[in-house]
Amino acid sequence: MSDYGLEVKHDTGSKRIKLECEHQSVMIYVVPSEESWVCSDDLLHVHAFAGFMKQLAQFEDVRVKELMQTWGLYLREI
């Protein structure tokens, strides 16, 4: 397991973000898309994940808000 349970792996044109603790383990795949063209390849994963979370948090859906609260996730734009 990597430091802080977070590991970013880079392949040409894509990124993989591995999130792992002793209870859960997932791999998030990030590839170029229509919204990520403005960002450098080095920060593609950051741009995509930040934009996704920002848009998800803006939904007027109580299920999304409850799910985020269940997992202790809160978002603030800076």
PDB file of N, CA and C in Angstrom:
ATOM      1  N   MET A   1       0.853  -1.180   0.000  1.00  0.00           N
ATOM      2  CA  MET A   1       0.000   0.000   0.000  1.00  0.00           C
ATOM      3  C   MET A   1       0.901   1.246   0.000  1.00  0.00           C
ATOM      4  N   SER A   2       0.537   2.253  -0.792  1.00  0.00           N
ATOM      5  CA  SER A   2       1.339   3.468  -0.904  1.00  0.00           C
ATOM      6  C   SER A   2       1.048   4.422   0.261  1.00  0.00           C
ATOM      7  N   ASP A   3       1.839   5.485   0.343  1.00  0.00           N
ATOM      8  CA  ASP A   3       1.608   6.500   1.372  1.00  0.00           C
ATOM      9  C   ASP A   3       0.191   7.049   1.279  1.00  0.00           C
ATOM     10  N   TYR A   4      -0.464   7.104   2.393  1.00  0.00           N
ATOM     11  CA  TYR A   4      -1.819   7.647   2.496  1.00  0.00           C
ATOM     12  C   TYR A   4      -2.843   6.868   1.680  1.00  0.00           C
ATOM     13  N   GLY A   5      -2.510   5.698   1.204  1.00  0.00           N
ATOM     14  CA  GLY A   5      -3.460   4.869   0.470  1.00  0.00           C
ATOM     15  C   GLY A   5      -3.840   5.403  -0.892  1.00  0.00           C
ATOM     16  N   LEU A   6      -3.040   6.299  -1.441  1.00  0.00           N
ATOM     17  CA  LEU A   6      -3.339   6.927  -2.722  1.00  0.00           C
ATOM     18  C   LEU A   6      -2.136   6.773  -3.644  1.00  0.00           C
ATOM     19  N   GLU A   7      -2.382   6.232  -4.820  1.00  0.00           N
ATOM     20  CA  GLU A   7      -1.300   6.045  -5.787  1.00  0.00           C
ATOM     21  C   GLU A   7      -1.810   6.433  -7.173  1.00  0.00           C
ATOM     22  N   VAL A   8      -1.032   7.240  -7.887  1.00  0.00           N
ATOM     23  CA  VAL A   8      -1.391   7.646  -9.244  1.00  0.00           C
ATOM     24  C   VAL A   8      -0.420   6.976 -10.201  1.00  0.00           C
ATOM     25  N   LYS A   9      -0.972   6.235 -11.158  1.00  0.00           N
ATOM     26  CA  LYS A   9      -0.155   5.570 -12.171  1.00  0.00           C
ATOM     27  C   LYS A   9      -0.438   6.220 -13.510  1.00  0.00           C
ATOM     28  N   HIS A  10       0.606   6.393 -14.307  1.00  0.00           N
ATOM     29  CA  HIS A  10       0.491   7.120 -15.573  1.00  0.00           C
ATOM     30  C   HIS A  10       0.803   6.200 -16.747  1.00  0.00           C
ATOM     31  N   ASP A  11      -0.095   6.197 -17.713  1.00  0.00           N
ATOM     32  CA  ASP A  11       0.147   5.573 -19.007  1.00  0.00           C
ATOM     33  C   ASP A  11      -0.063   6.654 -20.050  1.00  0.00           C
ATOM     34  N   THR A  12       0.421   6.445 -21.229  1.00  0.00           N
ATOM     35  CA  THR A  12       0.242   7.428 -22.286  1.00  0.00           C
ATOM     36  C   THR A  12      -1.242   7.675 -22.519  1.00  0.00           C
ATOM     37  N   GLY A  13      -1.675   8.899 -22.280  1.00  0.00           N
ATOM     38  CA  GLY A  13      -3.053   9.280 -22.537  1.00  0.00           C
ATOM     39  C   GLY A  13      -4.045   8.930 -21.450  1.00  0.00           C
ATOM     40  N   SER A  14      -3.621   8.357 -20.346  1.00  0.00           N
ATOM     41  CA  SER A  14      -4.561   8.026 -19.274  1.00  0.00           C
ATOM     42  C   SER A  14      -3.848   7.993 -17.932  1.00  0.00           C
ATOM     43  N   LYS A  15      -4.649   7.987 -16.877  1.00  0.00           N
ATOM     44  CA  LYS A  15      -4.134   7.875 -15.511  1.00  0.00           C
ATOM     45  C   LYS A  15      -4.995   6.854 -14.780  1.00  0.00           C
ATOM     46  N   ARG A  16      -4.386   6.216 -13.803  1.00  0.00           N
ATOM     47  CA  ARG A  16      -5.132   5.329 -12.907  1.00  0.00           C
ATOM     48  C   ARG A  16      -4.873   5.814 -11.487  1.00  0.00           C
ATOM     49  N   ILE A  17      -5.937   5.973 -10.743  1.00  0.00           N
ATOM     50  CA  ILE A  17      -5.822   6.404  -9.352  1.00  0.00           C
ATOM     51  C   ILE A  17      -6.251   5.228  -8.485  1.00  0.00           C
ATOM     52  N   LYS A  18      -5.314   4.714  -7.708  1.00  0.00           N
ATOM     53  CA  LYS A  18      -5.604   3.591  -6.821  1.00  0.00           C
ATOM     54  C   LYS A  18      -5.835   4.137  -5.421  1.00  0.00           C
ATOM     55  N   LEU A  19      -7.000   3.817  -4.864  1.00  0.00           N
ATOM     56  CA  LEU A  19      -7.343   4.202  -3.506  1.00  0.00           C
ATOM     57  C   LEU A  19      -7.465   2.918  -2.703  1.00  0.00           C
ATOM     58  N   GLU A  20      -6.707   2.816  -1.611  1.00  0.00           N
ATOM     59  CA  GLU A  20      -6.677   1.536  -0.903  1.00  0.00           C
ATOM     60  C   GLU A  20      -6.454   1.721   0.599  1.00  0.00           C
ATOM     61  N   CYS A  21      -7.264   1.012   1.366  1.00  0.00           N
ATOM     62  CA  CYS A  21      -7.051   0.874   2.798  1.00  0.00           C
ATOM     63  C   CYS A  21      -7.295  -0.598   3.127  1.00  0.00           C
ATOM     64  N   GLU A  22      -7.224  -0.969   4.380  1.00  0.00           N
ATOM     65  CA  GLU A  22      -7.405  -2.380   4.711  1.00  0.00           C
ATOM     66  C   GLU A  22      -8.840  -2.855   4.496  1.00  0.00           C
ATOM     67  N   HIS A  23      -9.786  -1.929   4.326  1.00  0.00           N
ATOM     68  CA  HIS A  23     -11.192  -2.305   4.177  1.00  0.00           C
ATOM     69  C   HIS A  23     -11.725  -2.187   2.749  1.00  0.00           C
ATOM     70  N   GLN A  24     -11.115  -1.332   1.956  1.00  0.00           N
ATOM     71  CA  GLN A  24     -11.602  -1.103   0.593  1.00  0.00           C
ATOM     72  C   GLN A  24     -10.434  -0.841  -0.346  1.00  0.00           C
ATOM     73  N   SER A  25     -10.659  -1.157  -1.613  1.00  0.00           N
ATOM     74  CA  SER A  25      -9.648  -0.909  -2.634  1.00  0.00           C
ATOM     75  C   SER A  25     -10.352  -0.701  -3.977  1.00  0.00           C
ATOM     76  N   VAL A  26     -10.065   0.430  -4.630  1.00  0.00           N
ATOM     77  CA  VAL A  26     -10.665   0.719  -5.940  1.00  0.00           C
ATOM     78  C   VAL A  26      -9.617   1.338  -6.851  1.00  0.00           C
ATOM     79  N   MET A  27      -9.862   1.219  -8.144  1.00  0.00           N
ATOM     80  CA  MET A  27      -9.019   1.848  -9.163  1.00  0.00           C
ATOM     81  C   MET A  27      -9.935   2.755  -9.984  1.00  0.00           C
ATOM     82  N   ILE A  28      -9.576   4.022 -10.091  1.00  0.00           N
ATOM     83  CA  ILE A  28     -10.317   4.985 -10.900  1.00  0.00           C
ATOM     84  C   ILE A  28      -9.505   5.228 -12.167  1.00  0.00           C
ATOM     85  N   TYR A  29     -10.113   5.052 -13.315  1.00  0.00           N
ATOM     86  CA  TYR A  29      -9.447   5.268 -14.596  1.00  0.00           C
ATOM     87  C   TYR A  29      -9.841   6.640 -15.127  1.00  0.00           C
ATOM     88  N   VAL A  30      -8.870   7.417 -15.537  1.00  0.00           N
ATOM     89  CA  VAL A  30      -9.109   8.763 -16.064  1.00  0.00           C
ATOM     90  C   VAL A  30      -8.502   8.834 -17.460  1.00  0.00           C
ATOM     91  N   VAL A  31      -9.337   9.185 -18.440  1.00  0.00           N
ATOM     92  CA  VAL A  31      -8.887   9.314 -19.827  1.00  0.00           C
ATOM     93  C   VAL A  31      -9.296  10.696 -20.345  1.00  0.00           C
ATOM     94  N   PRO A  32      -8.643  11.189 -21.386  1.00  0.00           N
ATOM     95  CA  PRO A  32      -9.026  12.490 -21.945  1.00  0.00           C
ATOM     96  C   PRO A  32     -10.502  12.506 -22.351  1.00  0.00           C
ATOM     97  N   SER A  33     -11.129  13.665 -22.156  1.00  0.00           N
ATOM     98  CA  SER A  33     -12.539  13.818 -22.506  1.00  0.00           C
ATOM     99  C   SER A  33     -12.785  15.235 -23.005  1.00  0.00           C
ATOM    100  N   GLU A  34     -14.022  15.507 -23.369  1.00  0.00           N
ATOM    101  CA  GLU A  34     -14.355  16.833 -23.909  1.00  0.00           C
ATOM    102  C   GLU A  34     -14.134  17.947 -22.891  1.00  0.00           C
ATOM    103  N   GLU A  35     -14.185  17.646 -21.602  1.00  0.00           N
ATOM    104  CA  GLU A  35     -13.983  18.672 -20.576  1.00  0.00           C
ATOM    105  C   GLU A  35     -12.542  18.779 -20.101  1.00  0.00           C
ATOM    106  N   SER A  36     -11.689  17.843 -20.470  1.00  0.00           N
ATOM    107  CA  SER A  36     -10.333  17.855 -19.927  1.00  0.00           C
ATOM    108  C   SER A  36      -9.276  18.376 -20.896  1.00  0.00           C
ATOM    109  N   TRP A  37      -9.671  18.803 -22.067  1.00  0.00           N
ATOM    110  CA  TRP A  37      -8.697  19.237 -23.071  1.00  0.00           C
ATOM    111  C   TRP A  37      -7.895  20.454 -22.628  1.00  0.00           C
ATOM    112  N   VAL A  38      -8.410  21.238 -21.702  1.00  0.00           N
ATOM    113  CA  VAL A  38      -7.733  22.468 -21.281  1.00  0.00           C
ATOM    114  C   VAL A  38      -6.565  22.209 -20.338  1.00  0.00           C
ATOM    115  N   CYS A  39      -6.470  21.010 -19.788  1.00  0.00           N
ATOM    116  CA  CYS A  39      -5.469  20.715 -18.771  1.00  0.00           C
ATOM    117  C   CYS A  39      -4.309  19.915 -19.353  1.00  0.00           C
ATOM    118  N   SER A  40      -3.139  20.080 -18.755  1.00  0.00           N
ATOM    119  CA  SER A  40      -1.973  19.325 -19.200  1.00  0.00           C
ATOM    120  C   SER A  40      -2.154  17.844 -18.876  1.00  0.00           C
ATOM    121  N   ASP A  41      -1.433  17.005 -19.596  1.00  0.00           N
ATOM    122  CA  ASP A  41      -1.504  15.570 -19.369  1.00  0.00           C
ATOM    123  C   ASP A  41      -1.075  15.210 -17.945  1.00  0.00           C
ATOM    124  N   ASP A  42      -0.133  15.965 -17.402  1.00  0.00           N
ATOM    125  CA  ASP A  42       0.344  15.699 -16.050  1.00  0.00           C
ATOM    126  C   ASP A  42      -0.746  15.859 -14.997  1.00  0.00           C
ATOM    127  N   LEU A  43      -1.687  16.765 -15.241  1.00  0.00           N
ATOM    128  CA  LEU A  43      -2.731  17.047 -14.253  1.00  0.00           C
ATOM    129  C   LEU A  43      -4.125  16.634 -14.724  1.00  0.00           C
ATOM    130  N   LEU A  44      -4.200  15.820 -15.749  1.00  0.00           N
ATOM    131  CA  LEU A  44      -5.479  15.350 -16.283  1.00  0.00           C
ATOM    132  C   LEU A  44      -6.350  14.747 -15.187  1.00  0.00           C
ATOM    133  N   HIS A  45      -5.797  13.897 -14.355  1.00  0.00           N
ATOM    134  CA  HIS A  45      -6.554  13.221 -13.304  1.00  0.00           C
ATOM    135  C   HIS A  45      -7.085  14.207 -12.270  1.00  0.00           C
ATOM    136  N   VAL A  46      -6.307  15.214 -11.940  1.00  0.00           N
ATOM    137  CA  VAL A  46      -6.740  16.216 -10.966  1.00  0.00           C
ATOM    138  C   VAL A  46      -7.889  17.042 -11.538  1.00  0.00           C
ATOM    139  N   HIS A  47      -7.722  17.484 -12.777  1.00  0.00           N
ATOM    140  CA  HIS A  47      -8.746  18.292 -13.441  1.00  0.00           C
ATOM    141  C   HIS A  47     -10.068  17.522 -13.551  1.00  0.00           C
ATOM    142  N   ALA A  48      -9.987  16.274 -13.990  1.00  0.00           N
ATOM    143  CA  ALA A  48     -11.196  15.468 -14.177  1.00  0.00           C
ATOM    144  C   ALA A  48     -11.886  15.180 -12.850  1.00  0.00           C
ATOM    145  N   PHE A  49     -11.127  14.797 -11.842  1.00  0.00           N
ATOM    146  CA  PHE A  49     -11.731  14.453 -10.557  1.00  0.00           C
ATOM    147  C   PHE A  49     -12.325  15.685  -9.878  1.00  0.00           C
ATOM    148  N   ALA A  50     -11.619  16.808  -9.913  1.00  0.00           N
ATOM    149  CA  ALA A  50     -12.142  18.043  -9.312  1.00  0.00           C
ATOM    150  C   ALA A  50     -13.410  18.501 -10.030  1.00  0.00           C
ATOM    151  N   GLY A  51     -13.397  18.469 -11.359  1.00  0.00           N
ATOM    152  CA  GLY A  51     -14.584  18.877 -12.118  1.00  0.00           C
ATOM    153  C   GLY A  51     -15.769  17.961 -11.869  1.00  0.00           C
ATOM    154  N   PHE A  52     -15.515  16.654 -11.812  1.00  0.00           N
ATOM    155  CA  PHE A  52     -16.579  15.691 -11.541  1.00  0.00           C
ATOM    156  C   PHE A  52     -17.189  15.926 -10.155  1.00  0.00           C
ATOM    157  N   MET A  53     -16.344  16.068  -9.151  1.00  0.00           N
ATOM    158  CA  MET A  53     -16.851  16.276  -7.794  1.00  0.00           C
ATOM    159  C   MET A  53     -17.612  17.589  -7.687  1.00  0.00           C
ATOM    160  N   LYS A  54     -17.118  18.622  -8.359  1.00  0.00           N
ATOM    161  CA  LYS A  54     -17.794  19.918  -8.339  1.00  0.00           C
ATOM    162  C   LYS A  54     -19.192  19.804  -8.938  1.00  0.00           C
ATOM    163  N   GLN A  55     -19.295  19.161 -10.097  1.00  0.00           N
ATOM    164  CA  GLN A  55     -20.605  19.012 -10.737  1.00  0.00           C
ATOM    165  C   GLN A  55     -21.515  18.089  -9.939  1.00  0.00           C
ATOM    166  N   LEU A  56     -20.980  17.019  -9.381  1.00  0.00           N
ATOM    167  CA  LEU A  56     -21.786  16.097  -8.578  1.00  0.00           C
ATOM    168  C   LEU A  56     -22.378  16.814  -7.367  1.00  0.00           C
ATOM    169  N   ALA A  57     -21.573  17.620  -6.699  1.00  0.00           N
ATOM    170  CA  ALA A  57     -22.028  18.342  -5.516  1.00  0.00           C
ATOM    171  C   ALA A  57     -23.079  19.403  -5.857  1.00  0.00           C
ATOM    172  N   GLN A  58     -23.119  19.869  -7.102  1.00  0.00           N
ATOM    173  CA  GLN A  58     -24.088  20.887  -7.514  1.00  0.00           C
ATOM    174  C   GLN A  58     -25.460  20.316  -7.830  1.00  0.00           C
ATOM    175  N   PHE A  59     -25.558  19.007  -7.976  1.00  0.00           N
ATOM    176  CA  PHE A  59     -26.866  18.405  -8.241  1.00  0.00           C
ATOM    177  C   PHE A  59     -27.828  18.698  -7.098  1.00  0.00           C
ATOM    178  N   GLU A  60     -29.027  19.013  -7.443  1.00  0.00           N
ATOM    179  CA  GLU A  60     -30.075  19.230  -6.449  1.00  0.00           C
ATOM    180  C   GLU A  60     -30.747  17.894  -6.156  1.00  0.00           C
ATOM    181  N   ASP A  61     -29.953  16.928  -5.746  1.00  0.00           N
ATOM    182  CA  ASP A  61     -30.448  15.585  -5.485  1.00  0.00           C
ATOM    183  C   ASP A  61     -30.080  15.211  -4.055  1.00  0.00           C
ATOM    184  N   VAL A  62     -31.089  15.004  -3.237  1.00  0.00           N
ATOM    185  CA  VAL A  62     -30.857  14.694  -1.837  1.00  0.00           C
ATOM    186  C   VAL A  62     -30.071  13.393  -1.680  1.00  0.00           C
ATOM    187  N   ARG A  63     -30.201  12.471  -2.632  1.00  0.00           N
ATOM    188  CA  ARG A  63     -29.463  11.207  -2.549  1.00  0.00           C
ATOM    189  C   ARG A  63     -27.964  11.445  -2.650  1.00  0.00           C
ATOM    190  N   VAL A  64     -27.561  12.359  -3.516  1.00  0.00           N
ATOM    191  CA  VAL A  64     -26.135  12.667  -3.659  1.00  0.00           C
ATOM    192  C   VAL A  64     -25.619  13.306  -2.376  1.00  0.00           C
ATOM    193  N   LYS A  65     -26.357  14.269  -1.846  1.00  0.00           N
ATOM    194  CA  LYS A  65     -25.937  14.953  -0.619  1.00  0.00           C
ATOM    195  C   LYS A  65     -25.865  13.978   0.554  1.00  0.00           C
ATOM    196  N   GLU A  66     -26.855  13.097   0.683  1.00  0.00           N
ATOM    197  CA  GLU A  66     -26.851  12.109   1.760  1.00  0.00           C
ATOM    198  C   GLU A  66     -25.692  11.126   1.614  1.00  0.00           C
ATOM    199  N   LEU A  67     -25.422  10.708   0.388  1.00  0.00           N
ATOM    200  CA  LEU A  67     -24.331   9.781   0.149  1.00  0.00           C
ATOM    201  C   LEU A  67     -22.978  10.412   0.503  1.00  0.00           C
ATOM    202  N   MET A  68     -22.801  11.658   0.107  1.00  0.00           N
ATOM    203  CA  MET A  68     -21.560  12.353   0.436  1.00  0.00           C
ATOM    204  C   MET A  68     -21.415  12.490   1.951  1.00  0.00           C
ATOM    205  N   GLN A  69     -22.511  12.832   2.636  1.00  0.00           N
ATOM    206  CA  GLN A  69     -22.452  12.957   4.096  1.00  0.00           C
ATOM    207  C   GLN A  69     -22.188  11.609   4.759  1.00  0.00           C
ATOM    208  N   THR A  70     -22.771  10.546   4.220  1.00  0.00           N
ATOM    209  CA  THR A  70     -22.545   9.207   4.760  1.00  0.00           C
ATOM    210  C   THR A  70     -21.059   8.866   4.777  1.00  0.00           C
ATOM    211  N   TRP A  71     -20.352   9.279   3.720  1.00  0.00           N
ATOM    212  CA  TRP A  71     -18.924   8.977   3.602  1.00  0.00           C
ATOM    213  C   TRP A  71     -18.043  10.103   4.124  1.00  0.00           C
ATOM    214  N   GLY A  72     -18.658  11.155   4.657  1.00  0.00           N
ATOM    215  CA  GLY A  72     -17.876  12.256   5.219  1.00  0.00           C
ATOM    216  C   GLY A  72     -17.157  13.083   4.169  1.00  0.00           C
ATOM    217  N   LEU A  73     -17.783  13.238   2.990  1.00  0.00           N
ATOM    218  CA  LEU A  73     -17.195  14.015   1.913  1.00  0.00           C
ATOM    219  C   LEU A  73     -17.913  15.338   1.765  1.00  0.00           C
ATOM    220  N   TYR A  74     -17.147  16.410   1.801  1.00  0.00           N
ATOM    221  CA  TYR A  74     -17.683  17.744   1.624  1.00  0.00           C
ATOM    222  C   TYR A  74     -16.796  18.459   0.625  1.00  0.00           C
ATOM    223  N   LEU A  75     -17.377  19.345  -0.143  1.00  0.00           N
ATOM    224  CA  LEU A  75     -16.631  20.000  -1.219  1.00  0.00           C
ATOM    225  C   LEU A  75     -16.750  21.500  -1.084  1.00  0.00           C
ATOM    226  N   ARG A  76     -15.624  22.185  -1.229  1.00  0.00           N
ATOM    227  CA  ARG A  76     -15.607  23.641  -1.236  1.00  0.00           C
ATOM    228  C   ARG A  76     -14.682  24.067  -2.359  1.00  0.00           C
ATOM    229  N   GLU A  77     -15.186  24.899  -3.245  1.00  0.00           N
ATOM    230  CA  GLU A  77     -14.338  25.420  -4.327  1.00  0.00           C
ATOM    231  C   GLU A  77     -13.380  26.453  -3.739  1.00  0.00           C
ATOM    232  N   ILE A  78     -12.121  26.409  -4.215  1.00  0.00           N
ATOM    233  CA  ILE A  78     -11.126  27.383  -3.751  1.00  0.00           C
ATOM    234  C   ILE A  78     -10.495  28.085  -4.937  1.00  0.00           C
TER     235      ILE A  78
END
